């Protein structure tokens, strides 16, 4: 058996992820549920090591053995790309591969709100796509970049670990840089990116203080910066950004963020009525009221501003869940599971 056979099975069954664990059959995540590939054999540690090492170079093997972790991309021509993580568990090699479709979905196909188009038509500012692992952040970001590519004449530089969706330059010139092969660190790449004459900078993930600080500074200097962050809602995103800095820097960061932030799209995937999944979202736009709350460190009040400014394109996760339910996209049961305001569930669902 070759790893390509398992990847083809994952694509055929429309899985989002493939898991290889010693002592288990290969496992697919389909619509959020883990399902073993029934006609496969139980994998031994040697099986998994052979499958994993077949797609990496000797240099990557050496790095993996030394670091105990490795992120790489892999492609089967005309089928799909895969974002692969290799790791050790109980002394054995393990592997998880995320399926990256060759076709980049459109913003319309992802049901992104109209305000998202306004955000990526800006010339400067920080636009964040947030959500838990597996919530479709990378796909949403790719759809936004592809819209820019087709509609705007801009120079776009992406910094990724690893490269997931591959863009073919259209109206825009898109340069994609991958960690370790094209750059040593995100922080170093961001510190030199201005010399590459970019209009738009895409950061695959804001992982640490240095990356976040650089992204905010670039947004302040007249660039549009698109990035992802692992947070569950818009106010938590603002909190996370500020709290990662030492206390003596937080006032300065609040000032910078209040002027550089353009908007935040938070999302999570919910089972839909068609047997697949749909994204429920929350949108924050940095209007003057939001900027004031950030400067004054009244982050908890952002939730109220989001709920009461629909005319500015904002809505909360709960409001969007109810809209999805009324449109027939999700069930009453799933609304009740995911609503944070349980009283709203009783009032609004009849």
C-alpha atoms as a PDB file:
ATOM      1  CA  UNK A   1       0.000   0.000   0.000  1.00  0.00           C
ATOM      2  CA  UNK A   2       1.236   3.495  -0.886  1.00  0.00           C
ATOM      3  CA  UNK A   3       0.262   6.653   0.960  1.00  0.00           C
ATOM      4  CA  UNK A   4      -1.290   7.942  -2.298  1.00  0.00           C
ATOM      5  CA  UNK A   5      -3.906   5.179  -2.055  1.00  0.00           C
ATOM      6  CA  UNK A   6      -5.033   6.476   1.332  1.00  0.00           C
ATOM      7  CA  UNK A   7      -5.015  10.074   0.095  1.00  0.00           C
ATOM      8  CA  UNK A   8      -7.160   9.106  -2.894  1.00  0.00           C
ATOM      9  CA  UNK A   9      -9.591   7.365  -0.549  1.00  0.00           C
ATOM     10  CA  UNK A  10      -9.793  10.514   1.599  1.00  0.00           C
ATOM     11  CA  UNK A  11     -10.594  12.666  -1.438  1.00  0.00           C
ATOM     12  CA  UNK A  12     -13.115  10.155  -2.836  1.00  0.00           C
ATOM     13  CA  UNK A  13     -14.991  10.017   0.479  1.00  0.00           C
ATOM     14  CA  UNK A  14     -14.862  13.830   0.860  1.00  0.00           C
ATOM     15  CA  UNK A  15     -12.919  13.664   4.111  1.00  0.00           C
ATOM     16  CA  UNK A  16     -11.297  16.730   5.636  1.00  0.00           C
ATOM     17  CA  UNK A  17      -8.500  14.778   7.361  1.00  0.00           C
ATOM     18  CA  UNK A  18      -6.689  11.445   7.341  1.00  0.00           C
ATOM     19  CA  UNK A  19      -5.290  10.023  10.617  1.00  0.00           C
ATOM     20  CA  UNK A  20      -2.644   7.287  10.808  1.00  0.00           C
ATOM     21  CA  UNK A  21      -2.141   5.840  14.307  1.00  0.00           C
ATOM     22  CA  UNK A  22      -0.279   2.654  15.229  1.00  0.00           C
ATOM     23  CA  UNK A  23      -2.667  -0.151  16.166  1.00  0.00           C
ATOM     24  CA  UNK A  24      -5.601   1.399  14.287  1.00  0.00           C
ATOM     25  CA  UNK A  25      -7.000   1.250  10.787  1.00  0.00           C
ATOM     26  CA  UNK A  26      -6.548   4.494   8.795  1.00  0.00           C
ATOM     27  CA  UNK A  27      -9.199   6.940  10.010  1.00  0.00           C
ATOM     28  CA  UNK A  28     -10.983   9.665   8.017  1.00  0.00           C
ATOM     29  CA  UNK A  29     -12.746  12.725   9.402  1.00  0.00           C
ATOM     30  CA  UNK A  30     -15.921  13.121   7.350  1.00  0.00           C
ATOM     31  CA  UNK A  31     -18.264  16.015   8.191  1.00  0.00           C
ATOM     32  CA  UNK A  32     -16.618  16.270  11.578  1.00  0.00           C
ATOM     33  CA  UNK A  33     -16.956  12.565  12.468  1.00  0.00           C
ATOM     34  CA  UNK A  34     -14.057  10.091  12.691  1.00  0.00           C
ATOM     35  CA  UNK A  35     -14.621   6.955  10.596  1.00  0.00           C
ATOM     36  CA  UNK A  36     -12.149   4.068  10.029  1.00  0.00           C
ATOM     37  CA  UNK A  37     -11.533   2.906   6.466  1.00  0.00           C
ATOM     38  CA  UNK A  38     -13.192  -0.468   6.916  1.00  0.00           C
ATOM     39  CA  UNK A  39     -11.491  -2.332   4.075  1.00  0.00           C
ATOM     40  CA  UNK A  40      -8.001  -1.385   5.321  1.00  0.00           C
ATOM     41  CA  UNK A  41      -5.738  -3.327   7.647  1.00  0.00           C
ATOM     42  CA  UNK A  42      -4.641  -2.284  11.132  1.00  0.00           C
ATOM     43  CA  UNK A  43      -1.421  -0.277  10.819  1.00  0.00           C
ATOM     44  CA  UNK A  44       1.781  -1.274  12.594  1.00  0.00           C
ATOM     45  CA  UNK A  45       4.393   1.328  13.657  1.00  0.00           C
ATOM     46  CA  UNK A  46       6.570   0.137  10.756  1.00  0.00           C
ATOM     47  CA  UNK A  47       3.677   0.564   8.289  1.00  0.00           C
ATOM     48  CA  UNK A  48       3.134   4.175   9.320  1.00  0.00           C
ATOM     49  CA  UNK A  49       6.826   5.049   9.254  1.00  0.00           C
ATOM     50  CA  UNK A  50       7.145   3.629   5.734  1.00  0.00           C
ATOM     51  CA  UNK A  51       4.034   5.496   4.542  1.00  0.00           C
ATOM     52  CA  UNK A  52       5.136   8.789   6.098  1.00  0.00           C
ATOM     53  CA  UNK A  53       8.794   8.647   5.081  1.00  0.00           C
ATOM     54  CA  UNK A  54       7.847   7.874   1.483  1.00  0.00           C
ATOM     55  CA  UNK A  55       6.757  11.500   0.926  1.00  0.00           C
ATOM     56  CA  UNK A  56       9.646  13.390   2.560  1.00  0.00           C
ATOM     57  CA  UNK A  57      13.317  13.926   1.767  1.00  0.00           C
ATOM     58  CA  UNK A  58      16.249  12.660   3.814  1.00  0.00           C
ATOM     59  CA  UNK A  59      16.793  16.191   5.108  1.00  0.00           C
ATOM     60  CA  UNK A  60      13.171  16.349   6.258  1.00  0.00           C
ATOM     61  CA  UNK A  61      13.515  12.922   7.903  1.00  0.00           C
ATOM     62  CA  UNK A  62      16.537  14.130   9.849  1.00  0.00           C
ATOM     63  CA  UNK A  63      14.679  17.258  10.940  1.00  0.00           C
ATOM     64  CA  UNK A  64      11.626  15.218  11.973  1.00  0.00           C
ATOM     65  CA  UNK A  65      13.691  12.797  14.061  1.00  0.00           C
ATOM     66  CA  UNK A  66      15.506  15.704  15.728  1.00  0.00           C
ATOM     67  CA  UNK A  67      12.446  17.930  16.334  1.00  0.00           C
ATOM     68  CA  UNK A  68       9.816  15.171  16.825  1.00  0.00           C
ATOM     69  CA  UNK A  69       7.425  17.270  14.675  1.00  0.00           C
ATOM     70  CA  UNK A  70       7.253  18.100  10.983  1.00  0.00           C
ATOM     71  CA  UNK A  71       4.770  20.030   8.828  1.00  0.00           C
ATOM     72  CA  UNK A  72       4.991  19.519   5.066  1.00  0.00           C
ATOM     73  CA  UNK A  73       2.769  19.827   2.021  1.00  0.00           C
ATOM     74  CA  UNK A  74       2.209  17.039  -0.493  1.00  0.00           C
ATOM     75  CA  UNK A  75       0.417  16.997  -3.820  1.00  0.00           C
ATOM     76  CA  UNK A  76      -1.102  14.359  -6.069  1.00  0.00           C
ATOM     77  CA  UNK A  77      -1.281  15.968  -9.496  1.00  0.00           C
ATOM     78  CA  UNK A  78      -4.811  16.754 -10.713  1.00  0.00           C
ATOM     79  CA  UNK A  79      -6.308  15.369  -7.498  1.00  0.00           C
ATOM     80  CA  UNK A  80      -5.554  17.416  -4.392  1.00  0.00           C
ATOM     81  CA  UNK A  81      -2.944  18.887  -2.074  1.00  0.00           C
ATOM     82  CA  UNK A  82      -2.429  17.786   1.514  1.00  0.00           C
ATOM     83  CA  UNK A  83      -1.102  19.571   4.587  1.00  0.00           C
ATOM     84  CA  UNK A  84       0.736  16.849   6.490  1.00  0.00           C
ATOM     85  CA  UNK A  85       1.782  16.823  10.148  1.00  0.00           C
ATOM     86  CA  UNK A  86       4.123  14.078  11.321  1.00  0.00           C
ATOM     87  CA  UNK A  87       4.662  13.488  15.026  1.00  0.00           C
ATOM     88  CA  UNK A  88       5.539  10.830  17.564  1.00  0.00           C
ATOM     89  CA  UNK A  89       3.085   9.182  19.953  1.00  0.00           C
ATOM     90  CA  UNK A  90       4.240   6.566  22.456  1.00  0.00           C
ATOM     91  CA  UNK A  91       7.504   6.349  20.547  1.00  0.00           C
ATOM     92  CA  UNK A  92       5.790   5.607  17.227  1.00  0.00           C
ATOM     93  CA  UNK A  93       5.429   7.770  14.131  1.00  0.00           C
ATOM     94  CA  UNK A  94       1.947   9.236  13.688  1.00  0.00           C
ATOM     95  CA  UNK A  95       0.533  11.304  10.857  1.00  0.00           C
ATOM     96  CA  UNK A  96      -2.422  13.595  10.189  1.00  0.00           C
ATOM     97  CA  UNK A  97      -3.097  14.975   6.705  1.00  0.00           C
ATOM     98  CA  UNK A  98      -5.550  17.778   5.919  1.00  0.00           C
ATOM     99  CA  UNK A  99      -7.121  17.575   2.453  1.00  0.00           C
ATOM    100  CA  UNK A 100      -6.656  20.810   0.487  1.00  0.00           C
ATOM    101  CA  UNK A 101      -8.893  20.837  -2.621  1.00  0.00           C
ATOM    102  CA  UNK A 102      -7.301  21.912  -5.908  1.00  0.00           C
ATOM    103  CA  UNK A 103     -10.264  24.178  -6.600  1.00  0.00           C
ATOM    104  CA  UNK A 104     -10.406  27.227  -4.375  1.00  0.00           C
ATOM    105  CA  UNK A 105     -14.036  27.885  -3.405  1.00  0.00           C
ATOM    106  CA  UNK A 106     -15.491  31.324  -4.069  1.00  0.00           C
ATOM    107  CA  UNK A 107     -16.617  33.678  -1.347  1.00  0.00           C
ATOM    108  CA  UNK A 108     -20.180  33.149  -2.561  1.00  0.00           C
ATOM    109  CA  UNK A 109     -19.860  29.372  -2.262  1.00  0.00           C
ATOM    110  CA  UNK A 110     -18.651  29.800   1.319  1.00  0.00           C
ATOM    111  CA  UNK A 111     -21.612  32.126   2.033  1.00  0.00           C
ATOM    112  CA  UNK A 112     -19.311  34.895   3.223  1.00  0.00           C
ATOM    113  CA  UNK A 113     -21.214  38.073   4.139  1.00  0.00           C
ATOM    114  CA  UNK A 114     -21.108  41.109   1.844  1.00  0.00           C
ATOM    115  CA  UNK A 115     -19.067  43.045   4.390  1.00  0.00           C
ATOM    116  CA  UNK A 116     -16.188  40.591   3.802  1.00  0.00           C
ATOM    117  CA  UNK A 117     -15.901  41.951   0.250  1.00  0.00           C
ATOM    118  CA  UNK A 118     -15.635  45.484   1.638  1.00  0.00           C
ATOM    119  CA  UNK A 119     -12.849  44.439   4.013  1.00  0.00           C
ATOM    120  CA  UNK A 120     -10.644  42.982   1.288  1.00  0.00           C
ATOM    121  CA  UNK A 121     -11.192  45.964  -0.994  1.00  0.00           C
ATOM    122  CA  UNK A 122      -9.385  48.136   1.551  1.00  0.00           C
ATOM    123  CA  UNK A 123      -5.841  49.344   0.903  1.00  0.00           C
ATOM    124  CA  UNK A 124      -4.711  48.978   4.512  1.00  0.00           C
ATOM    125  CA  UNK A 125      -5.662  47.509   7.854  1.00  0.00           C
ATOM    126  CA  UNK A 126      -5.627  44.175   9.667  1.00  0.00           C
ATOM    127  CA  UNK A 127      -8.302  41.622   8.690  1.00  0.00           C
ATOM    128  CA  UNK A 128      -8.461  38.497  10.844  1.00  0.00           C
ATOM    129  CA  UNK A 129     -10.175  35.158  10.199  1.00  0.00           C
ATOM    130  CA  UNK A 130     -10.476  33.253  13.469  1.00  0.00           C
ATOM    131  CA  UNK A 131     -11.923  30.046  14.817  1.00  0.00           C
ATOM    132  CA  UNK A 132     -10.978  26.721  16.387  1.00  0.00           C
ATOM    133  CA  UNK A 133      -8.889  24.088  14.604  1.00  0.00           C
ATOM    134  CA  UNK A 134     -10.743  22.642  11.630  1.00  0.00           C
ATOM    135  CA  UNK A 135     -13.190  25.528  11.297  1.00  0.00           C
ATOM    136  CA  UNK A 136     -12.257  26.366   7.708  1.00  0.00           C
ATOM    137  CA  UNK A 137     -10.087  29.416   8.382  1.00  0.00           C
ATOM    138  CA  UNK A 138      -7.543  28.543   5.683  1.00  0.00           C
ATOM    139  CA  UNK A 139     -10.310  27.955   3.134  1.00  0.00           C
ATOM    140  CA  UNK A 140     -11.963  31.281   3.934  1.00  0.00           C
ATOM    141  CA  UNK A 141      -8.636  33.094   3.695  1.00  0.00           C
ATOM    142  CA  UNK A 142      -7.890  31.390   0.360  1.00  0.00           C
ATOM    143  CA  UNK A 143     -11.283  32.443  -1.046  1.00  0.00           C
ATOM    144  CA  UNK A 144     -10.570  36.051  -0.027  1.00  0.00           C
ATOM    145  CA  UNK A 145      -7.120  36.010  -1.624  1.00  0.00           C
ATOM    146  CA  UNK A 146      -8.523  34.478  -4.800  1.00  0.00           C
ATOM    147  CA  UNK A 147     -11.170  37.216  -4.982  1.00  0.00           C
ATOM    148  CA  UNK A 148      -8.397  39.810  -4.743  1.00  0.00           C
ATOM    149  CA  UNK A 149      -6.458  37.918  -7.428  1.00  0.00           C
ATOM    150  CA  UNK A 150      -9.367  38.079  -9.861  1.00  0.00           C
ATOM    151  CA  UNK A 151     -10.586  41.602  -9.086  1.00  0.00           C
ATOM    152  CA  UNK A 152      -7.600  43.745  -8.040  1.00  0.00           C
ATOM    153  CA  UNK A 153      -4.176  44.524  -9.491  1.00  0.00           C
ATOM    154  CA  UNK A 154      -2.062  44.067  -6.362  1.00  0.00           C
ATOM    155  CA  UNK A 155       1.168  42.429  -5.248  1.00  0.00           C
ATOM    156  CA  UNK A 156       0.255  39.768  -2.683  1.00  0.00           C
ATOM    157  CA  UNK A 157       2.887  38.022  -0.541  1.00  0.00           C
ATOM    158  CA  UNK A 158       1.774  35.003   1.490  1.00  0.00           C
ATOM    159  CA  UNK A 159       3.746  33.508   4.394  1.00  0.00           C
ATOM    160  CA  UNK A 160       2.622  29.941   5.118  1.00  0.00           C
ATOM    161  CA  UNK A 161       3.532  26.781   7.042  1.00  0.00           C
ATOM    162  CA  UNK A 162       3.216  24.875   4.783  1.00  0.00           C
ATOM    163  CA  UNK A 163       1.748  26.259   1.528  1.00  0.00           C
ATOM    164  CA  UNK A 164      -1.812  24.957   1.259  1.00  0.00           C
ATOM    165  CA  UNK A 165      -3.880  26.383  -1.615  1.00  0.00           C
ATOM    166  CA  UNK A 166      -1.772  27.263  -4.661  1.00  0.00           C
ATOM    167  CA  UNK A 167      -2.681  30.496  -6.456  1.00  0.00           C
ATOM    168  CA  UNK A 168      -2.083  31.240 -10.135  1.00  0.00           C
ATOM    169  CA  UNK A 169      -1.488  34.957 -10.604  1.00  0.00           C
ATOM    170  CA  UNK A 170      -4.338  36.616 -12.500  1.00  0.00           C
ATOM    171  CA  UNK A 171      -4.887  40.364 -12.110  1.00  0.00           C
ATOM    172  CA  UNK A 172      -2.664  40.263  -9.044  1.00  0.00           C
ATOM    173  CA  UNK A 173       0.921  39.063  -8.691  1.00  0.00           C
ATOM    174  CA  UNK A 174       0.947  36.444  -5.924  1.00  0.00           C
ATOM    175  CA  UNK A 175       4.178  35.260  -4.295  1.00  0.00           C
ATOM    176  CA  UNK A 176       3.865  32.325  -1.870  1.00  0.00           C
ATOM    177  CA  UNK A 177       6.608  31.689   0.681  1.00  0.00           C
ATOM    178  CA  UNK A 178       6.859  28.566   2.819  1.00  0.00           C
ATOM    179  CA  UNK A 179       8.427  28.261   6.263  1.00  0.00           C
ATOM    180  CA  UNK A 180      11.861  26.545   6.308  1.00  0.00           C
ATOM    181  CA  UNK A 181      12.147  26.306   2.503  1.00  0.00           C
ATOM    182  CA  UNK A 182      11.627  30.000   1.600  1.00  0.00           C
ATOM    183  CA  UNK A 183      12.024  31.694   4.995  1.00  0.00           C
ATOM    184  CA  UNK A 184      13.468  30.782   8.385  1.00  0.00           C
ATOM    185  CA  UNK A 185      10.756  32.295  10.603  1.00  0.00           C
ATOM    186  CA  UNK A 186       7.555  34.292  10.212  1.00  0.00           C
ATOM    187  CA  UNK A 187       9.059  37.138  12.234  1.00  0.00           C
ATOM    188  CA  UNK A 188      12.142  37.379  10.015  1.00  0.00           C
ATOM    189  CA  UNK A 189      10.065  37.228   6.826  1.00  0.00           C
ATOM    190  CA  UNK A 190       7.745  39.964   8.094  1.00  0.00           C
ATOM    191  CA  UNK A 191      10.679  42.189   9.005  1.00  0.00           C
ATOM    192  CA  UNK A 192      11.972  42.032   5.397  1.00  0.00           C
ATOM    193  CA  UNK A 193       8.687  41.896   3.479  1.00  0.00           C
ATOM    194  CA  UNK A 194       8.501  45.679   2.895  1.00  0.00           C
ATOM    195  CA  UNK A 195      11.545  45.387   0.624  1.00  0.00           C
ATOM    196  CA  UNK A 196       9.495  43.123  -1.648  1.00  0.00           C
ATOM    197  CA  UNK A 197       7.080  45.932  -2.592  1.00  0.00           C
ATOM    198  CA  UNK A 198       3.867  44.259  -1.339  1.00  0.00           C
ATOM    199  CA  UNK A 199       0.371  45.728  -1.289  1.00  0.00           C
ATOM    200  CA  UNK A 200      -1.185  42.840   0.612  1.00  0.00           C
ATOM    201  CA  UNK A 201       0.480  40.480   3.088  1.00  0.00           C
ATOM    202  CA  UNK A 202      -1.115  37.175   4.089  1.00  0.00           C
ATOM    203  CA  UNK A 203       0.070  35.505   7.301  1.00  0.00           C
ATOM    204  CA  UNK A 204      -1.044  31.874   7.510  1.00  0.00           C
ATOM    205  CA  UNK A 205      -1.186  32.004  11.299  1.00  0.00           C
ATOM    206  CA  UNK A 206      -0.282  34.627  13.913  1.00  0.00           C
ATOM    207  CA  UNK A 207       1.456  32.289  16.363  1.00  0.00           C
ATOM    208  CA  UNK A 208       3.397  34.467  18.775  1.00  0.00           C
ATOM    209  CA  UNK A 209       4.024  37.965  20.086  1.00  0.00           C
ATOM    210  CA  UNK A 210       6.632  38.806  17.448  1.00  0.00           C
ATOM    211  CA  UNK A 211       4.417  37.793  14.520  1.00  0.00           C
ATOM    212  CA  UNK A 212       1.394  39.640  15.932  1.00  0.00           C
ATOM    213  CA  UNK A 213       3.450  42.791  16.584  1.00  0.00           C
ATOM    214  CA  UNK A 214       4.876  42.742  13.055  1.00  0.00           C
ATOM    215  CA  UNK A 215       1.431  42.212  11.484  1.00  0.00           C
ATOM    216  CA  UNK A 216      -0.038  45.162  13.401  1.00  0.00           C
ATOM    217  CA  UNK A 217       2.882  47.397  12.420  1.00  0.00           C
ATOM    218  CA  UNK A 218       2.562  46.442   8.736  1.00  0.00           C
ATOM    219  CA  UNK A 219      -1.174  47.215   8.848  1.00  0.00           C
ATOM    220  CA  UNK A 220      -0.318  50.618  10.340  1.00  0.00           C
ATOM    221  CA  UNK A 221       2.154  51.392   7.546  1.00  0.00           C
ATOM    222  CA  UNK A 222      -0.425  51.330   4.771  1.00  0.00           C
ATOM    223  CA  UNK A 223      -0.649  47.638   3.911  1.00  0.00           C
ATOM    224  CA  UNK A 224      -3.603  45.285   3.953  1.00  0.00           C
ATOM    225  CA  UNK A 225      -2.721  42.334   6.204  1.00  0.00           C
ATOM    226  CA  UNK A 226      -4.838  39.169   6.212  1.00  0.00           C
ATOM    227  CA  UNK A 227      -4.171  36.595   8.930  1.00  0.00           C
ATOM    228  CA  UNK A 228      -5.688  33.783  10.988  1.00  0.00           C
ATOM    229  CA  UNK A 229      -5.811  33.247  14.740  1.00  0.00           C
ATOM    230  CA  UNK A 230      -7.084  30.382  16.913  1.00  0.00           C
ATOM    231  CA  UNK A 231      -9.839  32.144  18.877  1.00  0.00           C
ATOM    232  CA  UNK A 232     -13.564  31.441  19.198  1.00  0.00           C
ATOM    233  CA  UNK A 233     -15.176  34.889  18.852  1.00  0.00           C
ATOM    234  CA  UNK A 234     -14.368  38.478  18.006  1.00  0.00           C
ATOM    235  CA  UNK A 235     -13.993  39.888  21.526  1.00  0.00           C
ATOM    236  CA  UNK A 236     -11.803  36.947  22.568  1.00  0.00           C
ATOM    237  CA  UNK A 237      -9.629  37.697  19.533  1.00  0.00           C
ATOM    238  CA  UNK A 238      -9.027  41.264  20.694  1.00  0.00           C
ATOM    239  CA  UNK A 239      -8.304  40.004  24.223  1.00  0.00           C
ATOM    240  CA  UNK A 240      -5.862  37.357  22.946  1.00  0.00           C
ATOM    241  CA  UNK A 241      -3.898  39.875  20.888  1.00  0.00           C
ATOM    242  CA  UNK A 242      -3.556  42.306  23.789  1.00  0.00           C
ATOM    243  CA  UNK A 243      -2.890  39.691  26.478  1.00  0.00           C
ATOM    244  CA  UNK A 244       0.008  38.103  24.612  1.00  0.00           C
ATOM    245  CA  UNK A 245       2.029  41.256  25.230  1.00  0.00           C
ATOM    246  CA  UNK A 246       3.710  42.104  28.557  1.00  0.00           C
ATOM    247  CA  UNK A 247       1.592  44.367  30.776  1.00  0.00           C
ATOM    248  CA  UNK A 248       3.860  47.392  30.212  1.00  0.00           C
ATOM    249  CA  UNK A 249       3.240  47.178  26.423  1.00  0.00           C
ATOM    250  CA  UNK A 250      -0.507  46.570  26.483  1.00  0.00           C
ATOM    251  CA  UNK A 251      -1.593  50.204  26.483  1.00  0.00           C
ATOM    252  CA  UNK A 252       0.525  50.866  23.398  1.00  0.00           C
ATOM    253  CA  UNK A 253      -0.846  47.745  21.657  1.00  0.00           C
ATOM    254  CA  UNK A 254      -4.427  48.799  22.425  1.00  0.00           C
ATOM    255  CA  UNK A 255      -3.734  52.145  20.749  1.00  0.00           C
ATOM    256  CA  UNK A 256      -2.134  50.489  17.714  1.00  0.00           C
ATOM    257  CA  UNK A 257      -4.876  47.873  17.383  1.00  0.00           C
ATOM    258  CA  UNK A 258      -7.634  50.486  17.700  1.00  0.00           C
ATOM    259  CA  UNK A 259      -6.309  52.239  14.595  1.00  0.00           C
ATOM    260  CA  UNK A 260      -4.960  49.334  12.517  1.00  0.00           C
ATOM    261  CA  UNK A 261      -7.722  46.734  12.944  1.00  0.00           C
ATOM    262  CA  UNK A 262     -10.156  46.639  10.015  1.00  0.00           C
ATOM    263  CA  UNK A 263     -12.358  43.708  10.997  1.00  0.00           C
ATOM    264  CA  UNK A 264     -12.615  40.178  12.375  1.00  0.00           C
ATOM    265  CA  UNK A 265     -14.530  37.202  10.980  1.00  0.00           C
ATOM    266  CA  UNK A 266     -14.890  34.403  13.545  1.00  0.00           C
ATOM    267  CA  UNK A 267     -16.348  31.102  12.400  1.00  0.00           C
ATOM    268  CA  UNK A 268     -17.075  27.499  13.292  1.00  0.00           C
ATOM    269  CA  UNK A 269     -18.487  24.634  11.261  1.00  0.00           C
ATOM    270  CA  UNK A 270     -21.968  23.289  12.105  1.00  0.00           C
ATOM    271  CA  UNK A 271     -23.656  20.171  10.662  1.00  0.00           C
ATOM    272  CA  UNK A 272     -26.191  21.273   8.080  1.00  0.00           C
ATOM    273  CA  UNK A 273     -29.483  19.757   6.963  1.00  0.00           C
ATOM    274  CA  UNK A 274     -27.863  18.324   3.810  1.00  0.00           C
ATOM    275  CA  UNK A 275     -25.480  16.029   5.690  1.00  0.00           C
ATOM    276  CA  UNK A 276     -22.395  18.214   5.283  1.00  0.00           C
ATOM    277  CA  UNK A 277     -21.336  21.313   7.253  1.00  0.00           C
ATOM    278  CA  UNK A 278     -21.894  25.055   7.050  1.00  0.00           C
ATOM    279  CA  UNK A 279     -19.944  27.916   8.625  1.00  0.00           C
ATOM    280  CA  UNK A 280     -21.627  29.963  11.345  1.00  0.00           C
ATOM    281  CA  UNK A 281     -19.909  33.317  11.702  1.00  0.00           C
ATOM    282  CA  UNK A 282     -19.538  36.426  13.817  1.00  0.00           C
ATOM    283  CA  UNK A 283     -18.358  39.700  12.274  1.00  0.00           C
ATOM    284  CA  UNK A 284     -16.737  42.684  13.975  1.00  0.00           C
ATOM    285  CA  UNK A 285     -16.029  45.896  12.062  1.00  0.00           C
ATOM    286  CA  UNK A 286     -13.746  48.444  13.682  1.00  0.00           C
ATOM    287  CA  UNK A 287     -16.126  51.403  13.800  1.00  0.00           C
ATOM    288  CA  UNK A 288     -15.293  54.348  16.152  1.00  0.00           C
ATOM    289  CA  UNK A 289     -17.305  52.795  19.006  1.00  0.00           C
ATOM    290  CA  UNK A 290     -15.223  49.606  18.801  1.00  0.00           C
ATOM    291  CA  UNK A 291     -11.947  51.549  18.569  1.00  0.00           C
ATOM    292  CA  UNK A 292     -12.882  53.476  21.723  1.00  0.00           C
ATOM    293  CA  UNK A 293     -13.632  50.273  23.624  1.00  0.00           C
ATOM    294  CA  UNK A 294     -10.269  48.798  22.582  1.00  0.00           C
ATOM    295  CA  UNK A 295      -8.392  51.928  23.673  1.00  0.00           C
ATOM    296  CA  UNK A 296     -10.265  52.090  26.988  1.00  0.00           C
ATOM    297  CA  UNK A 297      -9.780  48.350  27.645  1.00  0.00           C
ATOM    298  CA  UNK A 298     -13.532  47.683  27.747  1.00  0.00           C
ATOM    299  CA  UNK A 299     -13.331  44.582  25.568  1.00  0.00           C
ATOM    300  CA  UNK A 300     -16.316  42.883  27.239  1.00  0.00           C
ATOM    301  CA  UNK A 301     -18.603  45.592  25.811  1.00  0.00           C
ATOM    302  CA  UNK A 302     -17.625  44.757  22.200  1.00  0.00           C
ATOM    303  CA  UNK A 303     -20.218  41.970  22.180  1.00  0.00           C
ATOM    304  CA  UNK A 304     -23.040  44.525  22.624  1.00  0.00           C
ATOM    305  CA  UNK A 305     -21.685  46.714  19.808  1.00  0.00           C
ATOM    306  CA  UNK A 306     -21.592  43.688  17.489  1.00  0.00           C
ATOM    307  CA  UNK A 307     -25.205  42.771  18.325  1.00  0.00           C
ATOM    308  CA  UNK A 308     -26.573  46.277  17.818  1.00  0.00           C
ATOM    309  CA  UNK A 309     -24.823  47.407  14.635  1.00  0.00           C
ATOM    310  CA  UNK A 310     -26.308  45.236  11.913  1.00  0.00           C
ATOM    311  CA  UNK A 311     -26.442  48.292   9.633  1.00  0.00           C
ATOM    312  CA  UNK A 312     -22.617  48.364   9.719  1.00  0.00           C
ATOM    313  CA  UNK A 313     -22.417  44.729   8.591  1.00  0.00           C
ATOM    314  CA  UNK A 314     -21.877  43.256  12.049  1.00  0.00           C
ATOM    315  CA  UNK A 315     -23.630  40.291  13.630  1.00  0.00           C
ATOM    316  CA  UNK A 316     -22.972  37.895  16.493  1.00  0.00           C
ATOM    317  CA  UNK A 317     -22.522  34.142  16.271  1.00  0.00           C
ATOM    318  CA  UNK A 318     -25.925  33.631  17.937  1.00  0.00           C
ATOM    319  CA  UNK A 319     -27.627  35.960  15.462  1.00  0.00           C
ATOM    320  CA  UNK A 320     -26.049  34.109  12.529  1.00  0.00           C
ATOM    321  CA  UNK A 321     -27.031  30.711  13.950  1.00  0.00           C
ATOM    322  CA  UNK A 322     -30.650  31.846  14.083  1.00  0.00           C
ATOM    323  CA  UNK A 323     -30.456  33.162  10.507  1.00  0.00           C
ATOM    324  CA  UNK A 324     -29.038  29.845   9.313  1.00  0.00           C
ATOM    325  CA  UNK A 325     -31.860  28.029  11.114  1.00  0.00           C
ATOM    326  CA  UNK A 326     -34.567  30.259   9.627  1.00  0.00           C
ATOM    327  CA  UNK A 327     -33.081  29.718   6.148  1.00  0.00           C
ATOM    328  CA  UNK A 328     -33.298  25.949   6.652  1.00  0.00           C
ATOM    329  CA  UNK A 329     -29.529  25.354   6.655  1.00  0.00           C
ATOM    330  CA  UNK A 330     -29.253  23.918  10.183  1.00  0.00           C
ATOM    331  CA  UNK A 331     -31.578  22.063  12.526  1.00  0.00           C
ATOM    332  CA  UNK A 332     -33.290  23.335  15.667  1.00  0.00           C
ATOM    333  CA  UNK A 333     -31.250  20.855  17.697  1.00  0.00           C
ATOM    334  CA  UNK A 334     -27.945  22.238  16.420  1.00  0.00           C
ATOM    335  CA  UNK A 335     -29.066  25.815  17.070  1.00  0.00           C
ATOM    336  CA  UNK A 336     -29.794  24.932  20.697  1.00  0.00           C
ATOM    337  CA  UNK A 337     -26.460  23.136  21.056  1.00  0.00           C
ATOM    338  CA  UNK A 338     -24.373  26.022  19.731  1.00  0.00           C
ATOM    339  CA  UNK A 339     -26.237  29.122  20.954  1.00  0.00           C
ATOM    340  CA  UNK A 340     -24.402  30.784  23.834  1.00  0.00           C
ATOM    341  CA  UNK A 341     -27.526  32.705  24.922  1.00  0.00           C
ATOM    342  CA  UNK A 342     -29.891  29.880  25.878  1.00  0.00           C
ATOM    343  CA  UNK A 343     -32.670  32.378  26.695  1.00  0.00           C
ATOM    344  CA  UNK A 344     -32.482  33.584  23.096  1.00  0.00           C
ATOM    345  CA  UNK A 345     -33.060  30.004  21.965  1.00  0.00           C
ATOM    346  CA  UNK A 346     -36.301  29.874  23.898  1.00  0.00           C
ATOM    347  CA  UNK A 347     -37.515  33.235  22.618  1.00  0.00           C
ATOM    348  CA  UNK A 348     -36.513  32.933  18.969  1.00  0.00           C
ATOM    349  CA  UNK A 349     -37.073  29.286  18.099  1.00  0.00           C
ATOM    350  CA  UNK A 350     -40.758  28.517  17.805  1.00  0.00           C
END
